[in-house]
Amino acid sequence: MIEGLYAITPERCDSATLIANARAALRGGARVLQYRRKGMSPTDAHAEASALAEECRSTGAILIINDDPRLATDVSAAGVHLGRNDCSLDEARRILGRNALIGVSCYDRLDLAIHAAEAGADYVAFGSFFPSTVKPHAVRPDVGLIRRAKRVVSVPVVAIGGITVDNAATLIEAGADAVAVITDLFDAPDVAARASAFRRLFENRAPRSMENATKEI
């Protein structure tokens, strides 16, 4: 279920712009939308997340809430994404139930991904793979981490950090199931067109042969 363009909402815009741009990203082909807005009041966060939940339902996309399993429950989102300073995976599962999707940030550490998958995470995320204006001091894993993760974890692998339509192919070819994008998507003059460009990268991905997979091992 976690695949293709994974859009993450930007911080610096008003609610109307946020919702309009999210609608455009979904129309262009984003398969997953993560609501990530630090510092919002609970009332405003609930209103924005509720509106995004409706947009996702109308397009068949998946809504993930960053950091807040209770908000995810309140707006009937598909699940939650957890970082190192958020609640535990077990606590999120208790709040959300067994059918919710829970993703975990693993930064540049394969051991964290293995542990998260064994503990019941539904996907793992690595990055920042490229310089990022959102998190300029984030760790920088090499692309080979995606290949290594695909060999040892059975859940989808998401790449994040400084990803653009020009550099995403490297991550997709390495095996990333999804690429998480903020700036290159939502700062584009035509959000729907940029989302479509990302979607085509996945559609054009060459199938991996058994011979190539064996060589990587």
N, C-alpha and C. Protein backbone atom coordinates (compact mmCIF):
# COMPACT_ATOMS: atom_id res chain seq x y z
N MET A 1 0.82 -1.21 0.00
CA MET A 1 0.00 0.00 0.00
C MET A 1 0.86 1.26 0.00
N ILE A 2 2.07 1.18 0.54
CA ILE A 2 2.97 2.33 0.55
C ILE A 2 3.86 2.23 -0.68
N GLU A 3 3.55 3.04 -1.69
CA GLU A 3 4.32 2.97 -2.93
C GLU A 3 4.15 4.26 -3.72
N GLY A 4 5.11 4.50 -4.62
CA GLY A 4 5.02 5.66 -5.48
C GLY A 4 5.37 6.96 -4.78
N LEU A 5 4.73 8.04 -5.18
CA LEU A 5 4.98 9.34 -4.60
C LEU A 5 4.31 9.46 -3.24
N TYR A 6 5.11 9.76 -2.23
CA TYR A 6 4.66 9.92 -0.85
C TYR A 6 4.82 11.41 -0.54
N ALA A 7 3.73 12.15 -0.63
CA ALA A 7 3.77 13.61 -0.44
C ALA A 7 3.66 13.95 1.03
N ILE A 8 4.50 14.90 1.48
CA ILE A 8 4.46 15.36 2.87
C ILE A 8 4.13 16.85 2.85
N THR A 9 3.15 17.25 3.63
CA THR A 9 2.70 18.64 3.61
C THR A 9 3.79 19.60 4.09
N PRO A 10 3.89 20.76 3.46
CA PRO A 10 4.87 21.76 3.89
C PRO A 10 4.39 22.51 5.12
N GLU A 11 5.35 23.16 5.79
CA GLU A 11 5.01 23.89 7.01
C GLU A 11 4.47 25.30 6.73
N ARG A 12 5.08 25.99 5.77
CA ARG A 12 4.84 27.41 5.62
C ARG A 12 3.81 27.73 4.54
N CYS A 13 2.55 27.52 4.87
CA CYS A 13 1.47 27.98 3.99
C CYS A 13 0.18 28.00 4.80
N ASP A 14 -0.80 28.75 4.30
CA ASP A 14 -2.07 28.81 5.00
C ASP A 14 -2.88 27.56 4.68
N SER A 15 -3.94 27.36 5.44
CA SER A 15 -4.74 26.13 5.31
C SER A 15 -5.34 25.96 3.93
N ALA A 16 -5.87 27.03 3.37
CA ALA A 16 -6.51 26.93 2.05
C ALA A 16 -5.50 26.50 0.99
N THR A 17 -4.31 27.10 1.05
CA THR A 17 -3.26 26.73 0.08
C THR A 17 -2.82 25.31 0.30
N LEU A 18 -2.65 24.93 1.56
CA LEU A 18 -2.25 23.56 1.88
C LEU A 18 -3.21 22.54 1.28
N ILE A 19 -4.48 22.75 1.49
CA ILE A 19 -5.48 21.79 1.02
C ILE A 19 -5.55 21.79 -0.51
N ALA A 20 -5.49 22.97 -1.12
CA ALA A 20 -5.54 23.05 -2.58
C ALA A 20 -4.33 22.34 -3.20
N ASN A 21 -3.14 22.55 -2.63
CA ASN A 21 -1.95 21.92 -3.17
C ASN A 21 -1.94 20.41 -2.92
N ALA A 22 -2.45 20.00 -1.78
CA ALA A 22 -2.57 18.56 -1.52
C ALA A 22 -3.52 17.92 -2.51
N ARG A 23 -4.63 18.59 -2.80
CA ARG A 23 -5.58 18.07 -3.80
C ARG A 23 -4.90 17.94 -5.15
N ALA A 24 -4.09 18.92 -5.51
CA ALA A 24 -3.38 18.86 -6.80
C ALA A 24 -2.38 17.71 -6.82
N ALA A 25 -1.67 17.50 -5.71
CA ALA A 25 -0.70 16.40 -5.65
C ALA A 25 -1.39 15.06 -5.79
N LEU A 26 -2.53 14.91 -5.16
CA LEU A 26 -3.29 13.66 -5.26
C LEU A 26 -3.84 13.48 -6.67
N ARG A 27 -4.29 14.55 -7.25
CA ARG A 27 -4.80 14.48 -8.63
C ARG A 27 -3.68 14.09 -9.59
N GLY A 28 -2.47 14.54 -9.30
CA GLY A 28 -1.34 14.22 -10.16
C GLY A 28 -0.80 12.81 -9.97
N GLY A 29 -1.20 12.14 -8.90
CA GLY A 29 -0.79 10.75 -8.74
C GLY A 29 -0.11 10.38 -7.45
N ALA A 30 -0.05 11.28 -6.46
CA ALA A 30 0.51 10.90 -5.16
C ALA A 30 -0.34 9.78 -4.56
N ARG A 31 0.33 8.73 -4.11
CA ARG A 31 -0.39 7.58 -3.54
C ARG A 31 -0.56 7.69 -2.04
N VAL A 32 0.34 8.45 -1.41
CA VAL A 32 0.33 8.62 0.04
C VAL A 32 0.50 10.10 0.35
N LEU A 33 -0.23 10.57 1.35
CA LEU A 33 -0.09 11.95 1.82
C LEU A 33 0.13 11.93 3.32
N GLN A 34 1.22 12.53 3.74
CA GLN A 34 1.48 12.64 5.18
C GLN A 34 1.19 14.07 5.64
N TYR A 35 0.36 14.18 6.69
CA TYR A 35 0.09 15.49 7.28
C TYR A 35 1.13 15.74 8.35
N ARG A 36 1.99 16.74 8.10
CA ARG A 36 3.08 17.09 9.02
C ARG A 36 3.10 18.60 9.17
N ARG A 37 2.60 19.08 10.31
CA ARG A 37 2.54 20.52 10.55
C ARG A 37 2.90 20.76 12.01
N LYS A 38 4.14 21.14 12.28
CA LYS A 38 4.58 21.37 13.65
C LYS A 38 4.03 22.69 14.18
N GLY A 39 3.66 22.71 15.45
CA GLY A 39 3.26 23.95 16.10
C GLY A 39 1.84 24.40 15.84
N MET A 40 1.04 23.59 15.17
CA MET A 40 -0.35 23.95 14.96
C MET A 40 -1.16 23.73 16.23
N SER A 41 -2.17 24.55 16.44
CA SER A 41 -3.06 24.30 17.57
C SER A 41 -3.84 23.01 17.31
N PRO A 42 -4.27 22.31 18.36
CA PRO A 42 -5.06 21.10 18.16
C PRO A 42 -6.29 21.32 17.29
N THR A 43 -6.95 22.45 17.46
CA THR A 43 -8.15 22.73 16.68
C THR A 43 -7.83 22.89 15.20
N ASP A 44 -6.79 23.66 14.90
CA ASP A 44 -6.41 23.87 13.50
C ASP A 44 -5.88 22.59 12.87
N ALA A 45 -5.10 21.83 13.64
CA ALA A 45 -4.56 20.57 13.12
C ALA A 45 -5.69 19.61 12.79
N HIS A 46 -6.69 19.54 13.64
CA HIS A 46 -7.82 18.66 13.40
C HIS A 46 -8.59 19.09 12.15
N ALA A 47 -8.77 20.40 11.98
CA ALA A 47 -9.50 20.89 10.82
C ALA A 47 -8.75 20.58 9.53
N GLU A 48 -7.45 20.82 9.51
CA GLU A 48 -6.67 20.55 8.31
C GLU A 48 -6.61 19.06 8.01
N ALA A 49 -6.35 18.27 9.05
CA ALA A 49 -6.26 16.81 8.85
C ALA A 49 -7.59 16.23 8.38
N SER A 50 -8.69 16.75 8.90
CA SER A 50 -10.01 16.27 8.48
C SER A 50 -10.25 16.57 7.01
N ALA A 51 -9.87 17.78 6.58
CA ALA A 51 -10.04 18.15 5.17
C ALA A 51 -9.18 17.27 4.27
N LEU A 52 -7.95 16.99 4.71
CA LEU A 52 -7.06 16.14 3.92
C LEU A 52 -7.55 14.71 3.88
N ALA A 53 -8.16 14.25 4.97
CA ALA A 53 -8.73 12.90 4.98
C ALA A 53 -9.82 12.77 3.93
N GLU A 54 -10.64 13.80 3.79
CA GLU A 54 -11.68 13.78 2.76
C GLU A 54 -11.07 13.74 1.37
N GLU A 55 -10.03 14.53 1.15
CA GLU A 55 -9.36 14.53 -0.15
C GLU A 55 -8.80 13.15 -0.47
N CYS A 56 -8.19 12.52 0.51
CA CYS A 56 -7.61 11.19 0.28
C CYS A 56 -8.70 10.15 0.01
N ARG A 57 -9.79 10.24 0.74
CA ARG A 57 -10.87 9.27 0.51
C ARG A 57 -11.44 9.42 -0.90
N SER A 58 -11.51 10.64 -1.39
CA SER A 58 -12.11 10.86 -2.71
C SER A 58 -11.21 10.37 -3.83
N THR A 59 -9.91 10.21 -3.57
CA THR A 59 -8.98 9.77 -4.61
C THR A 59 -8.44 8.37 -4.36
N GLY A 60 -8.80 7.76 -3.25
CA GLY A 60 -8.30 6.43 -2.93
C GLY A 60 -6.87 6.43 -2.43
N ALA A 61 -6.37 7.60 -2.00
CA ALA A 61 -5.01 7.70 -1.48
C ALA A 61 -5.00 7.41 0.02
N ILE A 62 -3.80 7.29 0.56
CA ILE A 62 -3.60 6.95 1.96
C ILE A 62 -3.19 8.21 2.71
N LEU A 63 -3.85 8.50 3.83
CA LEU A 63 -3.46 9.62 4.69
C LEU A 63 -2.72 9.08 5.90
N ILE A 64 -1.51 9.60 6.11
CA ILE A 64 -0.70 9.27 7.27
C ILE A 64 -0.52 10.55 8.09
N ILE A 65 -0.65 10.44 9.39
CA ILE A 65 -0.45 11.58 10.28
C ILE A 65 0.92 11.47 10.92
N ASN A 66 1.67 12.55 10.91
CA ASN A 66 2.99 12.56 11.52
C ASN A 66 2.88 12.72 13.03
N ASP A 67 3.50 11.81 13.74
CA ASP A 67 3.73 11.94 15.19
C ASP A 67 2.51 11.74 16.11
N ASP A 68 1.30 11.77 15.60
CA ASP A 68 0.13 11.92 16.47
C ASP A 68 -0.91 10.83 16.21
N PRO A 69 -0.80 9.67 16.88
CA PRO A 69 -1.76 8.60 16.64
C PRO A 69 -3.18 8.95 17.05
N ARG A 70 -3.34 9.82 18.04
CA ARG A 70 -4.70 10.17 18.46
C ARG A 70 -5.39 11.04 17.41
N LEU A 71 -4.65 11.95 16.79
CA LEU A 71 -5.22 12.73 15.69
C LEU A 71 -5.55 11.81 14.53
N ALA A 72 -4.68 10.84 14.26
CA ALA A 72 -4.95 9.88 13.19
C ALA A 72 -6.26 9.14 13.44
N THR A 73 -6.50 8.76 14.68
CA THR A 73 -7.75 8.09 15.03
C THR A 73 -8.94 9.03 14.86
N ASP A 74 -8.78 10.27 15.32
CA ASP A 74 -9.88 11.22 15.29
C ASP A 74 -10.37 11.52 13.88
N VAL A 75 -9.46 11.53 12.89
CA VAL A 75 -9.85 11.89 11.53
C VAL A 75 -9.94 10.66 10.63
N SER A 76 -9.85 9.48 11.23
CA SER A 76 -9.93 8.21 10.49
C SER A 76 -8.87 8.11 9.40
N ALA A 77 -7.65 8.55 9.74
CA ALA A 77 -6.53 8.40 8.82
C ALA A 77 -6.12 6.93 8.75
N ALA A 78 -5.34 6.61 7.73
CA ALA A 78 -4.90 5.22 7.57
C ALA A 78 -3.87 4.82 8.61
N GLY A 79 -3.12 5.82 9.12
CA GLY A 79 -2.09 5.46 10.09
C GLY A 79 -1.27 6.65 10.50
N VAL A 80 -0.07 6.34 11.01
CA VAL A 80 0.79 7.35 11.61
C VAL A 80 2.24 7.06 11.25
N HIS A 81 3.04 8.13 11.25
CA HIS A 81 4.48 7.98 11.05
C HIS A 81 5.20 8.43 12.32
N LEU A 82 6.16 7.63 12.76
CA LEU A 82 6.85 7.87 14.03
C LEU A 82 8.33 8.13 13.81
N GLY A 83 8.86 9.14 14.52
CA GLY A 83 10.28 9.41 14.56
C GLY A 83 10.87 8.97 15.88
N ARG A 84 12.15 9.26 16.06
CA ARG A 84 12.85 8.76 17.26
C ARG A 84 12.33 9.36 18.55
N ASN A 85 11.73 10.55 18.51
CA ASN A 85 11.27 11.21 19.72
C ASN A 85 9.77 11.09 19.94
N ASP A 86 9.11 10.26 19.15
CA ASP A 86 7.66 10.11 19.27
C ASP A 86 7.32 8.92 20.16
N CYS A 87 6.05 8.64 20.28
CA CYS A 87 5.64 7.51 21.09
C CYS A 87 6.15 6.20 20.48
N SER A 88 6.13 5.15 21.28
CA SER A 88 6.63 3.87 20.80
C SER A 88 5.68 3.25 19.78
N LEU A 89 6.21 2.33 19.01
CA LEU A 89 5.37 1.63 18.04
C LEU A 89 4.26 0.87 18.76
N ASP A 90 4.58 0.27 19.90
CA ASP A 90 3.57 -0.47 20.65
C ASP A 90 2.45 0.44 21.12
N GLU A 91 2.80 1.64 21.59
CA GLU A 91 1.78 2.58 22.05
C GLU A 91 0.91 3.04 20.89
N ALA A 92 1.53 3.34 19.75
CA ALA A 92 0.76 3.74 18.58
C ALA A 92 -0.18 2.64 18.14
N ARG A 93 0.29 1.40 18.17
CA ARG A 93 -0.56 0.27 17.78
C ARG A 93 -1.73 0.12 18.75
N ARG A 94 -1.49 0.34 20.03
CA ARG A 94 -2.57 0.23 21.01
C ARG A 94 -3.65 1.27 20.73
N ILE A 95 -3.24 2.48 20.36
CA ILE A 95 -4.19 3.56 20.09
C ILE A 95 -4.92 3.34 18.77
N LEU A 96 -4.20 2.92 17.75
CA LEU A 96 -4.74 2.88 16.39
C LEU A 96 -5.41 1.55 16.03
N GLY A 97 -4.98 0.48 16.66
CA GLY A 97 -5.53 -0.82 16.31
C GLY A 97 -4.66 -1.56 15.31
N ARG A 98 -4.97 -2.82 15.13
CA ARG A 98 -4.08 -3.69 14.36
C ARG A 98 -4.12 -3.41 12.86
N ASN A 99 -5.17 -2.76 12.37
CA ASN A 99 -5.29 -2.54 10.93
C ASN A 99 -4.67 -1.25 10.45
N ALA A 100 -4.21 -0.40 11.37
CA ALA A 100 -3.61 0.87 10.97
C ALA A 100 -2.22 0.65 10.39
N LEU A 101 -1.81 1.61 9.55
CA LEU A 101 -0.45 1.59 9.00
C LEU A 101 0.46 2.43 9.90
N ILE A 102 1.59 1.86 10.27
CA ILE A 102 2.55 2.58 11.11
C ILE A 102 3.90 2.54 10.42
N GLY A 103 4.42 3.73 10.13
CA GLY A 103 5.75 3.85 9.55
C GLY A 103 6.73 4.37 10.57
N VAL A 104 8.00 4.02 10.40
CA VAL A 104 9.03 4.39 11.36
C VAL A 104 10.24 4.97 10.63
N SER A 105 10.72 6.12 11.10
CA SER A 105 11.95 6.70 10.57
C SER A 105 13.14 5.93 11.10
N CYS A 106 14.04 5.54 10.20
CA CYS A 106 15.22 4.77 10.59
C CYS A 106 16.51 5.47 10.21
N TYR A 107 16.42 6.65 9.63
CA TYR A 107 17.55 7.54 9.37
C TYR A 107 18.60 6.84 8.49
N ASP A 108 19.77 6.52 9.05
CA ASP A 108 20.79 5.82 8.28
C ASP A 108 21.13 4.47 8.88
N ARG A 109 20.18 3.90 9.64
CA ARG A 109 20.47 2.69 10.41
C ARG A 109 19.60 1.50 9.99
N LEU A 110 20.25 0.53 9.42
CA LEU A 110 19.56 -0.68 9.01
C LEU A 110 19.06 -1.46 10.21
N ASP A 111 19.79 -1.43 11.32
CA ASP A 111 19.37 -2.18 12.51
C ASP A 111 18.03 -1.67 13.04
N LEU A 112 17.82 -0.35 12.96
CA LEU A 112 16.53 0.19 13.39
C LEU A 112 15.40 -0.31 12.50
N ALA A 113 15.67 -0.41 11.21
CA ALA A 113 14.64 -0.89 10.28
C ALA A 113 14.30 -2.36 10.55
N ILE A 114 15.31 -3.16 10.79
CA ILE A 114 15.07 -4.58 11.09
C ILE A 114 14.25 -4.72 12.36
N HIS A 115 14.62 -3.96 13.38
CA HIS A 115 13.88 -4.02 14.65
C HIS A 115 12.45 -3.54 14.46
N ALA A 116 12.26 -2.43 13.73
CA ALA A 116 10.92 -1.89 13.52
C ALA A 116 10.04 -2.88 12.78
N ALA A 117 10.58 -3.49 11.73
CA ALA A 117 9.79 -4.46 10.97
C ALA A 117 9.42 -5.66 11.83
N GLU A 118 10.35 -6.12 12.63
CA GLU A 118 10.07 -7.26 13.52
C GLU A 118 9.04 -6.89 14.58
N ALA A 119 9.00 -5.62 14.97
CA ALA A 119 8.05 -5.16 15.99
C ALA A 119 6.68 -4.84 15.43
N GLY A 120 6.53 -4.91 14.10
CA GLY A 120 5.21 -4.71 13.51
C GLY A 120 5.03 -3.45 12.69
N ALA A 121 6.12 -2.73 12.38
CA ALA A 121 5.99 -1.56 11.51
C ALA A 121 5.53 -2.01 10.12
N ASP A 122 4.76 -1.16 9.48
CA ASP A 122 4.24 -1.48 8.15
C ASP A 122 5.11 -0.93 7.03
N TYR A 123 5.98 0.01 7.35
CA TYR A 123 6.99 0.47 6.41
C TYR A 123 8.10 1.17 7.20
N VAL A 124 9.28 1.27 6.57
CA VAL A 124 10.41 1.95 7.20
C VAL A 124 10.90 3.04 6.25
N ALA A 125 11.46 4.10 6.81
CA ALA A 125 11.92 5.23 6.00
C ALA A 125 13.37 5.55 6.34
N PHE A 126 14.16 5.83 5.30
CA PHE A 126 15.57 6.20 5.47
C PHE A 126 15.80 7.57 4.83
N GLY A 127 16.76 8.30 5.36
CA GLY A 127 17.16 9.57 4.78
C GLY A 127 17.67 10.51 5.86
N SER A 128 18.29 11.58 5.40
CA SER A 128 18.13 12.30 4.14
C SER A 128 19.18 11.86 3.11
N PHE A 129 18.70 11.43 1.94
CA PHE A 129 19.63 10.96 0.91
C PHE A 129 20.33 12.10 0.18
N PHE A 130 19.71 13.26 0.15
CA PHE A 130 20.29 14.43 -0.50
C PHE A 130 20.17 15.62 0.45
N PRO A 131 20.93 16.69 0.21
CA PRO A 131 20.80 17.88 1.07
C PRO A 131 19.35 18.36 1.12
N SER A 132 18.89 18.66 2.32
CA SER A 132 17.49 19.02 2.52
C SER A 132 17.37 20.38 3.20
N THR A 133 16.54 21.24 2.65
CA THR A 133 16.28 22.52 3.30
C THR A 133 15.36 22.36 4.50
N VAL A 134 14.57 21.28 4.53
CA VAL A 134 13.67 21.05 5.65
C VAL A 134 14.44 20.58 6.88
N LYS A 135 15.40 19.66 6.67
CA LYS A 135 16.24 19.16 7.76
C LYS A 135 17.69 19.21 7.30
N PRO A 136 18.30 20.39 7.33
CA PRO A 136 19.65 20.56 6.77
C PRO A 136 20.73 19.77 7.49
N HIS A 137 20.50 19.39 8.75
CA HIS A 137 21.53 18.69 9.52
C HIS A 137 21.25 17.20 9.66
N ALA A 138 20.33 16.69 8.86
CA ALA A 138 19.98 15.27 8.93
C ALA A 138 21.15 14.40 8.47
N VAL A 139 21.18 13.16 8.97
CA VAL A 139 22.20 12.21 8.54
C VAL A 139 22.01 11.91 7.05
N ARG A 140 23.10 11.46 6.40
CA ARG A 140 23.07 11.24 4.96
C ARG A 140 23.48 9.80 4.64
N PRO A 141 22.55 8.87 4.57
CA PRO A 141 22.89 7.50 4.18
C PRO A 141 23.25 7.43 2.70
N ASP A 142 23.95 6.37 2.33
CA ASP A 142 24.23 6.16 0.91
C ASP A 142 23.08 5.37 0.30
N VAL A 143 22.98 5.42 -1.03
CA VAL A 143 21.87 4.78 -1.73
C VAL A 143 21.92 3.26 -1.53
N GLY A 144 23.10 2.73 -1.30
CA GLY A 144 23.22 1.29 -1.06
C GLY A 144 22.42 0.81 0.12
N LEU A 145 22.09 1.70 1.06
CA LEU A 145 21.28 1.31 2.21
C LEU A 145 19.92 0.79 1.76
N ILE A 146 19.38 1.37 0.72
CA ILE A 146 18.08 0.89 0.21
C ILE A 146 18.22 -0.55 -0.27
N ARG A 147 19.26 -0.84 -1.02
CA ARG A 147 19.46 -2.21 -1.52
C ARG A 147 19.63 -3.19 -0.37
N ARG A 148 20.39 -2.79 0.64
CA ARG A 148 20.60 -3.68 1.78
C ARG A 148 19.30 -3.90 2.54
N ALA A 149 18.51 -2.83 2.70
CA ALA A 149 17.25 -2.96 3.42
C ALA A 149 16.28 -3.87 2.69
N LYS A 150 16.24 -3.77 1.37
CA LYS A 150 15.31 -4.58 0.59
C LYS A 150 15.63 -6.07 0.70
N ARG A 151 16.86 -6.40 1.04
CA ARG A 151 17.22 -7.81 1.18
C ARG A 151 16.84 -8.38 2.54
N VAL A 152 16.66 -7.52 3.55
CA VAL A 152 16.49 -8.06 4.90
C VAL A 152 15.18 -7.68 5.57
N VAL A 153 14.43 -6.74 5.01
CA VAL A 153 13.11 -6.43 5.59
C VAL A 153 12.04 -6.69 4.54
N SER A 154 10.90 -7.14 4.99
CA SER A 154 9.81 -7.50 4.08
C SER A 154 8.78 -6.40 3.90
N VAL A 155 8.96 -5.27 4.61
CA VAL A 155 8.00 -4.17 4.50
C VAL A 155 8.51 -3.14 3.50
N PRO A 156 7.62 -2.28 2.98
CA PRO A 156 8.07 -1.25 2.03
C PRO A 156 9.14 -0.34 2.61
N VAL A 157 10.02 0.11 1.72
CA VAL A 157 11.11 1.02 2.08
C VAL A 157 10.84 2.38 1.42
N VAL A 158 10.85 3.43 2.25
CA VAL A 158 10.60 4.79 1.77
C VAL A 158 11.89 5.59 1.87
N ALA A 159 12.22 6.32 0.81
CA ALA A 159 13.38 7.22 0.81
C ALA A 159 12.90 8.65 0.99
N ILE A 160 13.67 9.44 1.74
CA ILE A 160 13.27 10.81 2.02
C ILE A 160 14.51 11.70 2.08
N GLY A 161 14.30 12.99 1.85
CA GLY A 161 15.36 13.96 2.07
C GLY A 161 15.95 14.53 0.81
N GLY A 162 15.56 15.76 0.47
CA GLY A 162 16.13 16.46 -0.66
C GLY A 162 15.81 15.84 -2.00
N ILE A 163 14.75 15.06 -2.07
CA ILE A 163 14.43 14.33 -3.30
C ILE A 163 13.74 15.25 -4.29
N THR A 164 14.20 15.19 -5.53
CA THR A 164 13.61 15.96 -6.62
C THR A 164 13.26 15.01 -7.75
N VAL A 165 12.54 15.55 -8.72
CA VAL A 165 12.18 14.73 -9.88
C VAL A 165 13.43 14.38 -10.69
N ASP A 166 14.53 15.12 -10.49
CA ASP A 166 15.77 14.85 -11.21
C ASP A 166 16.65 13.80 -10.54
N ASN A 167 16.55 13.65 -9.22
CA ASN A 167 17.42 12.67 -8.55
C ASN A 167 16.68 11.46 -8.01
N ALA A 168 15.37 11.44 -8.10
CA ALA A 168 14.60 10.35 -7.52
C ALA A 168 14.85 9.01 -8.20
N ALA A 169 15.17 9.03 -9.48
CA ALA A 169 15.34 7.78 -10.22
C ALA A 169 16.42 6.90 -9.61
N THR A 170 17.48 7.52 -9.07
CA THR A 170 18.56 6.75 -8.43
C THR A 170 18.02 5.92 -7.27
N LEU A 171 17.13 6.50 -6.49
CA LEU A 171 16.56 5.81 -5.34
C LEU A 171 15.56 4.75 -5.77
N ILE A 172 14.78 5.06 -6.78
CA ILE A 172 13.78 4.11 -7.29
C ILE A 172 14.48 2.90 -7.89
N GLU A 173 15.53 3.14 -8.65
CA GLU A 173 16.28 2.03 -9.25
C GLU A 173 16.96 1.17 -8.20
N ALA A 174 17.30 1.77 -7.06
CA ALA A 174 17.91 1.01 -5.97
C ALA A 174 16.90 0.14 -5.24
N GLY A 175 15.60 0.39 -5.47
CA GLY A 175 14.57 -0.44 -4.87
C GLY A 175 13.60 0.26 -3.97
N ALA A 176 13.71 1.60 -3.82
CA ALA A 176 12.76 2.32 -2.96
C ALA A 176 11.34 2.09 -3.45
N ASP A 177 10.46 1.71 -2.53
CA ASP A 177 9.06 1.51 -2.88
C ASP A 177 8.32 2.84 -3.02
N ALA A 178 8.81 3.85 -2.31
CA ALA A 178 8.19 5.17 -2.35
C ALA A 178 9.26 6.22 -2.12
N VAL A 179 9.03 7.42 -2.64
CA VAL A 179 9.90 8.56 -2.34
C VAL A 179 9.05 9.64 -1.69
N ALA A 180 9.51 10.11 -0.53
CA ALA A 180 8.79 11.13 0.22
C ALA A 180 9.32 12.50 -0.16
N VAL A 181 8.43 13.40 -0.57
CA VAL A 181 8.84 14.68 -1.12
C VAL A 181 8.01 15.80 -0.50
N ILE A 182 8.69 16.89 -0.17
CA ILE A 182 8.00 18.10 0.29
C ILE A 182 8.27 19.24 -0.70
N THR A 183 9.48 19.79 -0.64
CA THR A 183 9.79 21.03 -1.34
C THR A 183 9.66 20.93 -2.85
N ASP A 184 10.28 19.92 -3.46
CA ASP A 184 10.26 19.84 -4.92
C ASP A 184 8.85 19.64 -5.46
N LEU A 185 7.97 19.12 -4.63
CA LEU A 185 6.58 18.94 -5.05
C LEU A 185 5.77 20.20 -4.80
N PHE A 186 5.75 20.66 -3.56
CA PHE A 186 4.83 21.73 -3.20
C PHE A 186 5.32 23.12 -3.55
N ASP A 187 6.62 23.26 -3.89
CA ASP A 187 7.11 24.54 -4.39
C ASP A 187 7.07 24.62 -5.91
N ALA A 188 6.63 23.56 -6.54
CA ALA A 188 6.57 23.55 -8.01
C ALA A 188 5.47 24.50 -8.49
N PRO A 189 5.65 25.16 -9.63
CA PRO A 189 4.61 26.06 -10.14
C PRO A 189 3.32 25.33 -10.49
N ASP A 190 3.42 24.04 -10.84
CA ASP A 190 2.25 23.22 -11.13
C ASP A 190 2.39 21.93 -10.33
N VAL A 191 1.74 21.89 -9.18
CA VAL A 191 1.91 20.75 -8.26
C VAL A 191 1.42 19.46 -8.90
N ALA A 192 0.30 19.49 -9.57
CA ALA A 192 -0.24 18.28 -10.19
C ALA A 192 0.71 17.74 -11.25
N ALA A 193 1.27 18.63 -12.06
CA ALA A 193 2.20 18.20 -13.10
C ALA A 193 3.46 17.60 -12.49
N ARG A 194 3.96 18.21 -11.40
CA ARG A 194 5.15 17.66 -10.75
C ARG A 194 4.86 16.28 -10.15
N ALA A 195 3.69 16.13 -9.56
CA ALA A 195 3.31 14.82 -9.03
C ALA A 195 3.24 13.79 -10.14
N SER A 196 2.71 14.18 -11.28
CA SER A 196 2.65 13.27 -12.43
C SER A 196 4.04 12.86 -12.89
N ALA A 197 4.99 13.79 -12.84
CA ALA A 197 6.36 13.48 -13.24
C ALA A 197 6.97 12.44 -12.30
N PHE A 198 6.71 12.56 -11.01
CA PHE A 198 7.19 11.55 -10.07
C PHE A 198 6.51 10.21 -10.34
N ARG A 199 5.22 10.25 -10.59
CA ARG A 199 4.49 9.00 -10.86
C ARG A 199 5.08 8.27 -12.06
N ARG A 200 5.45 9.02 -13.09
CA ARG A 200 6.00 8.38 -14.28
C ARG A 200 7.35 7.71 -14.01
N LEU A 201 8.11 8.23 -13.05
CA LEU A 201 9.37 7.59 -12.70
C LEU A 201 9.14 6.17 -12.21
N PHE A 202 8.08 5.96 -11.46
CA PHE A 202 7.76 4.62 -10.98
C PHE A 202 7.19 3.76 -12.10
N GLU A 203 6.39 4.35 -12.94
CA GLU A 203 5.81 3.60 -14.06
C GLU A 203 6.89 3.14 -15.04
N ASN A 204 7.96 3.92 -15.15
CA ASN A 204 9.02 3.60 -16.10
C ASN A 204 10.15 2.78 -15.47
N ARG A 205 10.00 2.45 -14.18
CA ARG A 205 11.07 1.68 -13.52
C ARG A 205 11.23 0.32 -14.20
N ALA A 206 12.47 0.00 -14.55
CA ALA A 206 12.74 -1.28 -15.19
C ALA A 206 12.61 -2.40 -14.17
N PRO A 207 11.97 -3.51 -14.54
CA PRO A 207 11.87 -4.64 -13.61
C PRO A 207 13.25 -5.19 -13.29
N ARG A 208 13.47 -5.55 -12.05
CA ARG A 208 14.75 -6.10 -11.63
C ARG A 208 14.80 -7.58 -11.96
N SER A 209 15.84 -7.98 -12.66
CA SER A 209 15.98 -9.39 -13.00
C SER A 209 16.52 -10.17 -11.83
N MET A 210 16.31 -11.47 -11.83
CA MET A 210 16.84 -12.33 -10.78
C MET A 210 18.37 -12.30 -10.81
N GLU A 211 18.96 -12.16 -12.01
CA GLU A 211 20.41 -12.13 -12.12
C GLU A 211 20.96 -10.90 -11.40
N ASN A 212 20.33 -9.73 -11.60
CA ASN A 212 20.80 -8.52 -10.94
C ASN A 212 20.60 -8.59 -9.43
N ALA A 213 19.47 -9.15 -9.02
CA ALA A 213 19.22 -9.26 -7.59
C ALA A 213 20.26 -10.16 -6.94
N THR A 214 20.65 -11.22 -7.64
CA THR A 214 21.65 -12.14 -7.10
C THR A 214 23.01 -11.44 -6.99
N LYS A 215 23.36 -10.63 -7.99
CA LYS A 215 24.64 -9.92 -7.96
C LYS A 215 24.70 -8.98 -6.77
N GLU A 216 23.58 -8.34 -6.43
CA GLU A 216 23.59 -7.38 -5.33
C GLU A 216 23.82 -8.07 -4.00
N ILE A 217 23.40 -9.34 -3.89
CA ILE A 217 23.61 -10.08 -2.65
C ILE A 217 25.07 -10.47 -2.51
